[in-house]
Amino acid sequence: MFDRRQIVTGLAGLPFAASVAGAQGAWQSRYPELVFAVIPAENASGTVERYTPFIEYLGRELGVKVTLRVANDYAAVIEGQRAGNIHIGFYGPSSYVRAHSVTQGGVEPFVVEVLQDGSVGYYSVAYVRANNPATRIEDLRGKNLCLVDPNSTSGNNVPRFAMSKLGIGTPDQFFGRVVYAGSHENAVTAVLQGTCDVAFNWWNSETDSNLARMASKNMVKSEDFKMIFKSDLIAGSPVAYLTSLPADLKAAITKAFVEAPVKAKAAFDRWSDGKNQGFRPTTHADYKAIVDLQAFVDQLRRQRS
């Protein structure tokens, strides 16, 4: 379990750290509005409902307008940060690494979510319908597969890496059809509707997963699905800001995130469905394994082209 007070005290001791009021004088005229964007995991209305309270809290803490942007796909967040139009982005690990690559270090992670048990990270899982006789991915040759997005860690990159280790090889050759659903919710829905026989998704715990969230909104019933694959632990999902932002602004943003579970508990609980402890600082070095994973996926793409 991490000590949030110790982290905040450490941040306050950094040479470039300043009070929000002092920080505003240095950067407010340059950044009267900050844009926060999230990768798509659920439908747009659900995303707005989830993050709006936190966006409002962030605006109060920073003393400037913070605008939520709901992206249509992962690439939109990456391209928005490359263009400098998105100041803060909430990513999956692979989409962050892709953003760091295409911007040539123009984005950097500053916090990562800490789960309820104090761990940092999550898993990629594969779901089929509960009545599907398959018990492992190898049982689904010739069936239809739903992935999430080419830049999704749990919904594309880890699954492709895992299937390669299982000896399945290229999913496009093993499965009858491979579909990118566009979001984690869409992938689950496709299995329910029969469009896909199996879909990959993110999973934190038995009570905290995309499937659990959909069930809590009465979109699906958890008992209609069964899990037939679970990956090794994946590095946690980071929030990343533009490297070019002033140091005092970056310090103020980081401080606001770390303090959120105390200062804005309701807003933070809405973000995480009350499942996470909070945020802790992170750096690009924490994503070395994802950089290697990304290289593997890029090699697969070159082989297919």
C-alpha atoms as a PDB file:
ATOM      1  CA  MET A   1       0.000   0.000   0.000  1.00  0.00           C
ATOM      2  CA  PHE A   2       1.390   3.405  -0.891  1.00  0.00           C
ATOM      3  CA  ASP A   3       1.481   6.502   1.336  1.00  0.00           C
ATOM      4  CA  ARG A   4      -0.210   9.359  -0.495  1.00  0.00           C
ATOM      5  CA  ARG A   5       0.851  11.914   2.139  1.00  0.00           C
ATOM      6  CA  GLN A   6       4.484  10.979   1.674  1.00  0.00           C
ATOM      7  CA  ILE A   7       4.173  11.411  -2.088  1.00  0.00           C
ATOM      8  CA  VAL A   8       2.546  14.834  -1.770  1.00  0.00           C
ATOM      9  CA  THR A   9       5.212  15.943   0.720  1.00  0.00           C
ATOM     10  CA  GLY A  10       7.894  14.799  -1.696  1.00  0.00           C
ATOM     11  CA  LEU A  11       6.300  16.706  -4.564  1.00  0.00           C
ATOM     12  CA  ALA A  12       6.116  19.836  -2.462  1.00  0.00           C
ATOM     13  CA  GLY A  13       9.846  19.583  -1.839  1.00  0.00           C
ATOM     14  CA  LEU A  14      10.812  19.612  -5.498  1.00  0.00           C
ATOM     15  CA  PRO A  15      12.715  22.753  -6.544  1.00  0.00           C
ATOM     16  CA  PHE A  16      10.209  23.618  -9.239  1.00  0.00           C
ATOM     17  CA  ALA A  17       7.106  22.950  -7.144  1.00  0.00           C
ATOM     18  CA  ALA A  18       4.943  25.922  -6.202  1.00  0.00           C
ATOM     19  CA  SER A  19       1.559  26.688  -4.758  1.00  0.00           C
ATOM     20  CA  VAL A  20      -1.249  26.748  -7.296  1.00  0.00           C
ATOM     21  CA  ALA A  21      -1.597  30.479  -6.843  1.00  0.00           C
ATOM     22  CA  GLY A  22       2.083  31.020  -7.525  1.00  0.00           C
ATOM     23  CA  ALA A  23       2.074  28.637 -10.458  1.00  0.00           C
ATOM     24  CA  GLN A  24      -0.796  30.467 -12.113  1.00  0.00           C
ATOM     25  CA  GLY A  25       1.209  33.660 -12.366  1.00  0.00           C
ATOM     26  CA  ALA A  26       3.824  31.890 -14.455  1.00  0.00           C
ATOM     27  CA  TRP A  27       1.641  29.920 -16.859  1.00  0.00           C
ATOM     28  CA  GLN A  28      -2.010  30.979 -16.644  1.00  0.00           C
ATOM     29  CA  SER A  29      -1.779  33.569 -19.420  1.00  0.00           C
ATOM     30  CA  ARG A  30      -0.215  30.958 -21.735  1.00  0.00           C
ATOM     31  CA  TYR A  31      -2.636  28.182 -20.778  1.00  0.00           C
ATOM     32  CA  PRO A  32      -6.047  29.694 -19.944  1.00  0.00           C
ATOM     33  CA  GLU A  33      -7.560  26.337 -20.957  1.00  0.00           C
ATOM     34  CA  LEU A  34      -6.228  22.816 -20.651  1.00  0.00           C
ATOM     35  CA  VAL A  35      -7.645  19.886 -22.635  1.00  0.00           C
ATOM     36  CA  PHE A  36      -7.860  16.449 -21.017  1.00  0.00           C
ATOM     37  CA  ALA A  37      -8.594  13.520 -23.343  1.00  0.00           C
ATOM     38  CA  VAL A  38      -9.315   9.870 -22.671  1.00  0.00           C
ATOM     39  CA  ILE A  39      -9.046   6.806 -24.874  1.00  0.00           C
ATOM     40  CA  PRO A  40     -12.395   5.127 -25.604  1.00  0.00           C
ATOM     41  CA  ALA A  41     -13.291   2.300 -23.226  1.00  0.00           C
ATOM     42  CA  GLU A  42     -17.057   2.830 -22.985  1.00  0.00           C
ATOM     43  CA  ASN A  43     -19.712   4.790 -24.866  1.00  0.00           C
ATOM     44  CA  ALA A  44     -19.339   8.568 -25.079  1.00  0.00           C
ATOM     45  CA  SER A  45     -22.105   9.419 -22.611  1.00  0.00           C
ATOM     46  CA  GLY A  46     -20.687   7.003 -20.050  1.00  0.00           C
ATOM     47  CA  THR A  47     -17.232   8.524 -20.491  1.00  0.00           C
ATOM     48  CA  VAL A  48     -18.548  12.053 -19.943  1.00  0.00           C
ATOM     49  CA  GLU A  49     -20.425  10.963 -16.834  1.00  0.00           C
ATOM     50  CA  ARG A  50     -17.376   9.175 -15.442  1.00  0.00           C
ATOM     51  CA  TYR A  51     -14.788  11.921 -15.882  1.00  0.00           C
ATOM     52  CA  THR A  52     -16.702  15.209 -15.666  1.00  0.00           C
ATOM     53  CA  PRO A  53     -16.581  15.483 -11.840  1.00  0.00           C
ATOM     54  CA  PHE A  54     -12.824  14.947 -11.911  1.00  0.00           C
ATOM     55  CA  ILE A  55     -12.388  17.500 -14.706  1.00  0.00           C
ATOM     56  CA  GLU A  56     -14.306  20.038 -12.628  1.00  0.00           C
ATOM     57  CA  TYR A  57     -12.096  19.293  -9.616  1.00  0.00           C
ATOM     58  CA  LEU A  58      -8.953  19.664 -11.724  1.00  0.00           C
ATOM     59  CA  GLY A  59     -10.135  23.036 -13.006  1.00  0.00           C
ATOM     60  CA  ARG A  60     -10.737  24.256  -9.463  1.00  0.00           C
ATOM     61  CA  GLU A  61      -7.313  23.133  -8.301  1.00  0.00           C
ATOM     62  CA  LEU A  62      -5.452  24.647 -11.241  1.00  0.00           C
ATOM     63  CA  GLY A  63      -7.538  27.806 -11.487  1.00  0.00           C
ATOM     64  CA  VAL A  64      -8.081  27.481 -15.251  1.00  0.00           C
ATOM     65  CA  LYS A  65     -10.716  25.908 -17.453  1.00  0.00           C
ATOM     66  CA  VAL A  66     -10.171  22.185 -18.076  1.00  0.00           C
ATOM     67  CA  THR A  67     -12.081  20.676 -20.997  1.00  0.00           C
ATOM     68  CA  LEU A  68     -12.822  16.978 -21.414  1.00  0.00           C
ATOM     69  CA  ARG A  69     -12.359  15.548 -24.888  1.00  0.00           C
ATOM     70  CA  VAL A  70     -13.833  12.125 -25.602  1.00  0.00           C
ATOM     71  CA  ALA A  71     -11.820  10.574 -28.415  1.00  0.00           C
ATOM     72  CA  ASN A  72     -13.293   8.395 -31.146  1.00  0.00           C
ATOM     73  CA  ASP A  73     -10.267   6.116 -31.089  1.00  0.00           C
ATOM     74  CA  TYR A  74      -6.853   5.766 -29.474  1.00  0.00           C
ATOM     75  CA  ALA A  75      -5.078   7.442 -32.399  1.00  0.00           C
ATOM     76  CA  ALA A  76      -7.085  10.627 -31.886  1.00  0.00           C
ATOM     77  CA  VAL A  77      -5.573  11.152 -28.427  1.00  0.00           C
ATOM     78  CA  ILE A  78      -2.082  10.386 -29.712  1.00  0.00           C
ATOM     79  CA  GLU A  79      -2.422  12.758 -32.667  1.00  0.00           C
ATOM     80  CA  GLY A  80      -3.999  15.427 -30.470  1.00  0.00           C
ATOM     81  CA  GLN A  81      -0.984  15.382 -28.182  1.00  0.00           C
ATOM     82  CA  ARG A  82       1.406  15.384 -31.126  1.00  0.00           C
ATOM     83  CA  ALA A  83      -0.344  18.512 -32.428  1.00  0.00           C
ATOM     84  CA  GLY A  84      -0.261  20.089 -28.977  1.00  0.00           C
ATOM     85  CA  ASN A  85      -4.062  20.344 -28.852  1.00  0.00           C
ATOM     86  CA  ILE A  86      -4.378  17.881 -25.963  1.00  0.00           C
ATOM     87  CA  HIS A  87      -2.397  18.806 -22.877  1.00  0.00           C
ATOM     88  CA  ILE A  88      -3.209  15.768 -20.729  1.00  0.00           C
ATOM     89  CA  GLY A  89      -4.133  12.280 -21.941  1.00  0.00           C
ATOM     90  CA  PHE A  90      -5.285   9.183 -20.095  1.00  0.00           C
ATOM     91  CA  TYR A  91      -3.815   6.171 -21.871  1.00  0.00           C
ATOM     92  CA  GLY A  92      -3.395   2.460 -21.781  1.00  0.00           C
ATOM     93  CA  PRO A  93       0.288   1.453 -21.575  1.00  0.00           C
ATOM     94  CA  SER A  94       0.701   0.651 -25.289  1.00  0.00           C
ATOM     95  CA  SER A  95      -1.101   3.755 -26.506  1.00  0.00           C
ATOM     96  CA  TYR A  96       1.106   5.845 -24.187  1.00  0.00           C
ATOM     97  CA  VAL A  97       4.272   4.222 -25.580  1.00  0.00           C
ATOM     98  CA  ARG A  98       2.999   4.866 -29.107  1.00  0.00           C
ATOM     99  CA  ALA A  99       2.343   8.514 -28.199  1.00  0.00           C
ATOM    100  CA  HIS A 100       5.828   8.843 -26.699  1.00  0.00           C
ATOM    101  CA  SER A 101       7.300   7.384 -29.883  1.00  0.00           C
ATOM    102  CA  VAL A 102       5.407   9.424 -32.470  1.00  0.00           C
ATOM    103  CA  THR A 103       5.957  12.663 -30.532  1.00  0.00           C
ATOM    104  CA  GLN A 104       9.653  11.832 -30.056  1.00  0.00           C
ATOM    105  CA  GLY A 105       9.356  12.180 -26.314  1.00  0.00           C
ATOM    106  CA  GLY A 106       6.847  15.006 -26.537  1.00  0.00           C
ATOM    107  CA  VAL A 107       4.632  13.376 -23.899  1.00  0.00           C
ATOM    108  CA  GLU A 108       5.594  11.962 -20.514  1.00  0.00           C
ATOM    109  CA  PRO A 109       3.641   9.936 -17.954  1.00  0.00           C
ATOM    110  CA  PHE A 110       3.294  11.515 -14.539  1.00  0.00           C
ATOM    111  CA  VAL A 111       0.882   9.332 -12.559  1.00  0.00           C
ATOM    112  CA  VAL A 112      -0.489   5.803 -12.728  1.00  0.00           C
ATOM    113  CA  GLU A 113      -3.552   4.337 -11.035  1.00  0.00           C
ATOM    114  CA  VAL A 114      -3.081   2.302  -7.853  1.00  0.00           C
ATOM    115  CA  LEU A 115      -5.591  -0.516  -7.502  1.00  0.00           C
ATOM    116  CA  GLN A 116      -7.633  -1.425  -4.453  1.00  0.00           C
ATOM    117  CA  ASP A 117      -5.076  -3.962  -3.231  1.00  0.00           C
ATOM    118  CA  GLY A 118      -2.207  -1.490  -3.595  1.00  0.00           C
ATOM    119  CA  SER A 119      -0.861  -3.000  -6.809  1.00  0.00           C
ATOM    120  CA  VAL A 120      -0.179  -1.154 -10.032  1.00  0.00           C
ATOM    121  CA  GLY A 121      -1.180  -2.890 -13.248  1.00  0.00           C
ATOM    122  CA  TYR A 122      -3.961  -4.922 -14.797  1.00  0.00           C
ATOM    123  CA  TYR A 123      -4.599  -7.909 -17.074  1.00  0.00           C
ATOM    124  CA  SER A 124      -5.764  -8.801 -20.541  1.00  0.00           C
ATOM    125  CA  VAL A 125      -8.503 -11.436 -20.554  1.00  0.00           C
ATOM    126  CA  ALA A 126     -10.519 -13.238 -23.206  1.00  0.00           C
ATOM    127  CA  TYR A 127     -14.270 -13.792 -22.900  1.00  0.00           C
ATOM    128  CA  VAL A 128     -16.622 -16.170 -24.693  1.00  0.00           C
ATOM    129  CA  ARG A 129     -20.309 -16.801 -24.085  1.00  0.00           C
ATOM    130  CA  ALA A 130     -20.915 -18.952 -21.019  1.00  0.00           C
ATOM    131  CA  ASN A 131     -22.424 -21.714 -23.179  1.00  0.00           C
ATOM    132  CA  ASN A 132     -19.454 -21.815 -25.553  1.00  0.00           C
ATOM    133  CA  PRO A 133     -17.704 -25.203 -25.176  1.00  0.00           C
ATOM    134  CA  ALA A 134     -14.265 -23.584 -25.653  1.00  0.00           C
ATOM    135  CA  THR A 135     -12.043 -23.575 -22.561  1.00  0.00           C
ATOM    136  CA  ARG A 136      -8.933 -22.039 -24.119  1.00  0.00           C
ATOM    137  CA  ILE A 137      -8.071 -19.840 -27.077  1.00  0.00           C
ATOM    138  CA  GLU A 138      -6.661 -22.814 -28.998  1.00  0.00           C
ATOM    139  CA  ASP A 139     -10.210 -24.251 -29.153  1.00  0.00           C
ATOM    140  CA  LEU A 140     -11.437 -21.376 -31.336  1.00  0.00           C
ATOM    141  CA  ARG A 141      -9.742 -22.018 -34.675  1.00  0.00           C
ATOM    142  CA  GLY A 142     -11.871 -20.657 -37.510  1.00  0.00           C
ATOM    143  CA  LYS A 143     -14.093 -18.626 -35.159  1.00  0.00           C
ATOM    144  CA  ASN A 144     -14.481 -14.849 -35.078  1.00  0.00           C
ATOM    145  CA  LEU A 145     -12.224 -12.762 -32.829  1.00  0.00           C
ATOM    146  CA  CYS A 146     -12.902  -9.247 -31.526  1.00  0.00           C
ATOM    147  CA  LEU A 147      -9.910  -7.111 -30.630  1.00  0.00           C
ATOM    148  CA  VAL A 148     -10.377  -3.533 -29.385  1.00  0.00           C
ATOM    149  CA  ASP A 149      -8.052  -1.086 -31.143  1.00  0.00           C
ATOM    150  CA  PRO A 150      -4.603  -1.406 -32.790  1.00  0.00           C
ATOM    151  CA  ASN A 151      -3.151   0.716 -29.957  1.00  0.00           C
ATOM    152  CA  SER A 152      -4.920  -1.101 -27.111  1.00  0.00           C
ATOM    153  CA  THR A 153      -2.656  -2.965 -24.710  1.00  0.00           C
ATOM    154  CA  SER A 154      -5.143  -5.446 -23.253  1.00  0.00           C
ATOM    155  CA  GLY A 155      -7.321  -5.439 -26.359  1.00  0.00           C
ATOM    156  CA  ASN A 156      -4.681  -6.024 -29.038  1.00  0.00           C
ATOM    157  CA  ASN A 157      -0.969  -5.986 -28.236  1.00  0.00           C
ATOM    158  CA  VAL A 158      -0.850  -8.352 -25.262  1.00  0.00           C
ATOM    159  CA  PRO A 159      -3.312 -10.748 -26.960  1.00  0.00           C
ATOM    160  CA  ARG A 160      -1.187 -10.898 -30.114  1.00  0.00           C
ATOM    161  CA  PHE A 161       1.959 -11.476 -28.080  1.00  0.00           C
ATOM    162  CA  ALA A 162       0.234 -14.144 -25.970  1.00  0.00           C
ATOM    163  CA  MET A 163      -1.156 -15.947 -29.010  1.00  0.00           C
ATOM    164  CA  SER A 164       2.288 -15.991 -30.569  1.00  0.00           C
ATOM    165  CA  LYS A 165       3.680 -17.651 -27.419  1.00  0.00           C
ATOM    166  CA  LEU A 166       0.809 -20.183 -27.522  1.00  0.00           C
ATOM    167  CA  GLY A 167       1.895 -21.177 -31.020  1.00  0.00           C
ATOM    168  CA  ILE A 168      -1.253 -19.853 -32.659  1.00  0.00           C
ATOM    169  CA  GLY A 169       0.770 -17.524 -34.832  1.00  0.00           C
ATOM    170  CA  THR A 170      -1.049 -14.836 -36.769  1.00  0.00           C
ATOM    171  CA  PRO A 171      -4.643 -14.331 -35.570  1.00  0.00           C
ATOM    172  CA  ASP A 172      -5.708 -13.474 -39.124  1.00  0.00           C
ATOM    173  CA  GLN A 173      -4.726 -16.994 -40.198  1.00  0.00           C
ATOM    174  CA  PHE A 174      -5.985 -18.838 -37.121  1.00  0.00           C
ATOM    175  CA  PHE A 175      -9.402 -17.182 -36.774  1.00  0.00           C
ATOM    176  CA  GLY A 176     -12.104 -17.007 -39.395  1.00  0.00           C
ATOM    177  CA  ARG A 177     -12.385 -13.248 -38.961  1.00  0.00           C
ATOM    178  CA  VAL A 178     -10.603 -10.615 -36.851  1.00  0.00           C
ATOM    179  CA  VAL A 179     -12.525  -7.430 -36.024  1.00  0.00           C
ATOM    180  CA  TYR A 180     -11.485  -4.241 -34.242  1.00  0.00           C
ATOM    181  CA  ALA A 181     -14.507  -3.322 -32.140  1.00  0.00           C
ATOM    182  CA  GLY A 182     -13.322   0.211 -31.347  1.00  0.00           C
ATOM    183  CA  SER A 183     -13.901   0.062 -27.588  1.00  0.00           C
ATOM    184  CA  HIS A 184     -13.861  -2.464 -24.764  1.00  0.00           C
ATOM    185  CA  GLU A 185     -17.630  -2.204 -24.360  1.00  0.00           C
ATOM    186  CA  ASN A 186     -18.180  -2.844 -28.067  1.00  0.00           C
ATOM    187  CA  ALA A 187     -16.010  -5.969 -27.918  1.00  0.00           C
ATOM    188  CA  VAL A 188     -18.054  -7.469 -25.072  1.00  0.00           C
ATOM    189  CA  THR A 189     -21.313  -6.532 -26.802  1.00  0.00           C
ATOM    190  CA  ALA A 190     -20.142  -8.242 -29.997  1.00  0.00           C
ATOM    191  CA  VAL A 191     -19.695 -11.527 -28.120  1.00  0.00           C
ATOM    192  CA  LEU A 192     -23.137 -11.173 -26.550  1.00  0.00           C
ATOM    193  CA  GLN A 193     -24.716 -10.543 -29.950  1.00  0.00           C
ATOM    194  CA  GLY A 194     -22.809 -13.344 -31.653  1.00  0.00           C
ATOM    195  CA  THR A 195     -20.824 -11.101 -34.002  1.00  0.00           C
ATOM    196  CA  CYS A 196     -17.660 -12.448 -32.397  1.00  0.00           C
ATOM    197  CA  ASP A 197     -17.056 -15.735 -30.617  1.00  0.00           C
ATOM    198  CA  VAL A 198     -14.291 -14.383 -28.383  1.00  0.00           C
ATOM    199  CA  ALA A 199     -13.163 -10.909 -27.339  1.00  0.00           C
ATOM    200  CA  PHE A 200     -10.212  -9.535 -25.403  1.00  0.00           C
ATOM    201  CA  ASN A 201     -10.705  -6.959 -22.658  1.00  0.00           C
ATOM    202  CA  TRP A 202      -9.182  -5.356 -19.557  1.00  0.00           C
ATOM    203  CA  TRP A 203      -9.533  -6.878 -16.082  1.00  0.00           C
ATOM    204  CA  ASN A 204      -8.309  -5.675 -12.672  1.00  0.00           C
ATOM    205  CA  SER A 205     -10.069  -8.127 -10.359  1.00  0.00           C
ATOM    206  CA  GLU A 206     -13.228 -10.186 -10.024  1.00  0.00           C
ATOM    207  CA  THR A 207     -15.142  -7.054  -9.007  1.00  0.00           C
ATOM    208  CA  ASP A 208     -13.332  -4.500 -11.197  1.00  0.00           C
ATOM    209  CA  SER A 209     -13.299  -5.051 -14.932  1.00  0.00           C
ATOM    210  CA  ASN A 210     -14.961  -3.670 -18.019  1.00  0.00           C
ATOM    211  CA  LEU A 211     -17.426  -6.570 -17.880  1.00  0.00           C
ATOM    212  CA  ALA A 212     -18.236  -5.793 -14.226  1.00  0.00           C
ATOM    213  CA  ARG A 213     -18.817  -2.123 -15.073  1.00  0.00           C
ATOM    214  CA  MET A 214     -21.116  -3.044 -17.947  1.00  0.00           C
ATOM    215  CA  ALA A 215     -23.029  -5.408 -15.668  1.00  0.00           C
ATOM    216  CA  SER A 216     -23.412  -2.674 -13.029  1.00  0.00           C
ATOM    217  CA  LYS A 217     -25.056  -0.507 -15.717  1.00  0.00           C
ATOM    218  CA  ASN A 218     -27.360  -3.385 -16.726  1.00  0.00           C
ATOM    219  CA  MET A 219     -25.815  -3.528 -20.179  1.00  0.00           C
ATOM    220  CA  VAL A 220     -24.962  -7.236 -19.831  1.00  0.00           C
ATOM    221  CA  LYS A 221     -25.100 -10.021 -17.264  1.00  0.00           C
ATOM    222  CA  SER A 222     -21.714 -11.246 -16.043  1.00  0.00           C
ATOM    223  CA  GLU A 223     -22.990 -14.825 -15.834  1.00  0.00           C
ATOM    224  CA  ASP A 224     -23.537 -14.834 -19.610  1.00  0.00           C
ATOM    225  CA  PHE A 225     -19.748 -14.851 -20.134  1.00  0.00           C
ATOM    226  CA  LYS A 226     -16.792 -16.953 -19.106  1.00  0.00           C
ATOM    227  CA  MET A 227     -13.090 -16.151 -19.127  1.00  0.00           C
ATOM    228  CA  ILE A 228     -10.827 -18.503 -21.059  1.00  0.00           C
ATOM    229  CA  PHE A 229      -7.561 -16.539 -20.923  1.00  0.00           C
ATOM    230  CA  LYS A 230      -5.792 -14.238 -18.473  1.00  0.00           C
ATOM    231  CA  SER A 231      -2.432 -12.629 -19.188  1.00  0.00           C
ATOM    232  CA  ASP A 232       0.501 -11.886 -16.940  1.00  0.00           C
ATOM    233  CA  LEU A 233       0.362  -8.552 -15.099  1.00  0.00           C
ATOM    234  CA  ILE A 234       0.588  -5.523 -17.417  1.00  0.00           C
ATOM    235  CA  ALA A 235       2.061  -2.143 -16.415  1.00  0.00           C
ATOM    236  CA  GLY A 236      -0.625   0.258 -15.193  1.00  0.00           C
ATOM    237  CA  SER A 237      -2.493   2.813 -17.287  1.00  0.00           C
ATOM    238  CA  PRO A 238      -0.721   6.190 -17.113  1.00  0.00           C
ATOM    239  CA  VAL A 239      -1.861   9.777 -17.397  1.00  0.00           C
ATOM    240  CA  ALA A 240       0.591  11.760 -19.546  1.00  0.00           C
ATOM    241  CA  TYR A 241       1.055  15.463 -20.179  1.00  0.00           C
ATOM    242  CA  LEU A 242       2.973  17.360 -22.809  1.00  0.00           C
ATOM    243  CA  THR A 243       6.675  17.475 -22.010  1.00  0.00           C
ATOM    244  CA  SER A 244       6.694  21.105 -23.152  1.00  0.00           C
ATOM    245  CA  LEU A 245       4.378  22.307 -20.368  1.00  0.00           C
ATOM    246  CA  PRO A 246       6.053  24.584 -17.798  1.00  0.00           C
ATOM    247  CA  ALA A 247       7.593  22.728 -14.865  1.00  0.00           C
ATOM    248  CA  ASP A 248       5.433  24.539 -12.302  1.00  0.00           C
ATOM    249  CA  LEU A 249       2.274  23.657 -14.225  1.00  0.00           C
ATOM    250  CA  LYS A 250       3.324  20.000 -14.432  1.00  0.00           C
ATOM    251  CA  ALA A 251       4.018  19.995 -10.697  1.00  0.00           C
ATOM    252  CA  ALA A 252       0.575  21.495  -9.987  1.00  0.00           C
ATOM    253  CA  ILE A 253      -1.156  18.916 -12.209  1.00  0.00           C
ATOM    254  CA  THR A 254       0.688  16.021 -10.560  1.00  0.00           C
ATOM    255  CA  LYS A 255      -0.115  17.334  -7.086  1.00  0.00           C
ATOM    256  CA  ALA A 256      -3.813  17.657  -7.971  1.00  0.00           C
ATOM    257  CA  PHE A 257      -3.971  14.045  -9.168  1.00  0.00           C
ATOM    258  CA  VAL A 258      -2.153  12.601  -6.152  1.00  0.00           C
ATOM    259  CA  GLU A 259      -4.372  14.571  -3.736  1.00  0.00           C
ATOM    260  CA  ALA A 260      -7.635  13.801  -5.561  1.00  0.00           C
ATOM    261  CA  PRO A 261      -8.757  10.820  -3.429  1.00  0.00           C
ATOM    262  CA  VAL A 262      -8.704  13.095  -0.364  1.00  0.00           C
ATOM    263  CA  LYS A 263      -9.676  16.473  -1.823  1.00  0.00           C
ATOM    264  CA  ALA A 264     -12.307  15.170  -4.237  1.00  0.00           C
ATOM    265  CA  LYS A 265     -13.190  11.660  -3.088  1.00  0.00           C
ATOM    266  CA  ALA A 266     -16.573  11.556  -4.867  1.00  0.00           C
ATOM    267  CA  ALA A 267     -15.010  12.660  -8.159  1.00  0.00           C
ATOM    268  CA  PHE A 268     -12.176  10.167  -7.841  1.00  0.00           C
ATOM    269  CA  ASP A 269     -14.558   7.350  -6.894  1.00  0.00           C
ATOM    270  CA  ARG A 270     -16.636   8.164  -9.979  1.00  0.00           C
ATOM    271  CA  TRP A 271     -13.471   7.865 -12.098  1.00  0.00           C
ATOM    272  CA  SER A 272     -12.663   4.423 -10.704  1.00  0.00           C
ATOM    273  CA  ASP A 273     -16.099   3.184  -9.594  1.00  0.00           C
ATOM    274  CA  GLY A 274     -14.693   3.368  -6.078  1.00  0.00           C
ATOM    275  CA  LYS A 275     -12.305   0.505  -6.890  1.00  0.00           C
ATOM    276  CA  ASN A 276      -8.894   2.226  -6.796  1.00  0.00           C
ATOM    277  CA  GLN A 277      -6.759   3.740  -4.034  1.00  0.00           C
ATOM    278  CA  GLY A 278      -5.440   6.700  -5.987  1.00  0.00           C
ATOM    279  CA  PHE A 279      -2.525   7.755  -8.175  1.00  0.00           C
ATOM    280  CA  ARG A 280       1.216   7.572  -7.699  1.00  0.00           C
ATOM    281  CA  PRO A 281       3.979   9.228  -9.744  1.00  0.00           C
ATOM    282  CA  THR A 282       5.479   7.296 -12.640  1.00  0.00           C
ATOM    283  CA  THR A 283       8.066   7.841 -15.385  1.00  0.00           C
ATOM    284  CA  HIS A 284       8.778   6.556 -18.881  1.00  0.00           C
ATOM    285  CA  ALA A 285      11.316   4.110 -17.441  1.00  0.00           C
ATOM    286  CA  ASP A 286       8.428   2.176 -15.861  1.00  0.00           C
ATOM    287  CA  TYR A 287       7.212   1.250 -19.368  1.00  0.00           C
ATOM    288  CA  LYS A 288      10.344  -0.452 -20.695  1.00  0.00           C
ATOM    289  CA  ALA A 289       8.509  -3.792 -20.957  1.00  0.00           C
ATOM    290  CA  ILE A 290       5.742  -2.119 -22.966  1.00  0.00           C
ATOM    291  CA  VAL A 291       8.316  -0.551 -25.294  1.00  0.00           C
ATOM    292  CA  ASP A 292       9.596  -4.076 -25.977  1.00  0.00           C
ATOM    293  CA  LEU A 293       6.030  -5.342 -26.463  1.00  0.00           C
ATOM    294  CA  GLN A 294       5.351  -2.514 -28.915  1.00  0.00           C
ATOM    295  CA  ALA A 295       8.446  -3.471 -30.900  1.00  0.00           C
ATOM    296  CA  PHE A 296       7.132  -7.051 -31.142  1.00  0.00           C
ATOM    297  CA  VAL A 297       3.723  -5.871 -32.396  1.00  0.00           C
ATOM    298  CA  ASP A 298       5.325  -3.509 -34.925  1.00  0.00           C
ATOM    299  CA  GLN A 299       7.396  -6.394 -36.253  1.00  0.00           C
ATOM    300  CA  LEU A 300       4.233  -8.454 -36.706  1.00  0.00           C
ATOM    301  CA  ARG A 301       2.655  -5.595 -38.651  1.00  0.00           C
ATOM    302  CA  ARG A 302       5.653  -5.352 -40.945  1.00  0.00           C
ATOM    303  CA  GLN A 303       5.489  -9.084 -41.592  1.00  0.00           C
ATOM    304  CA  ARG A 304       1.806  -8.819 -42.586  1.00  0.00           C
ATOM    305  CA  SER A 305       2.363  -5.858 -44.913  1.00  0.00           C
END
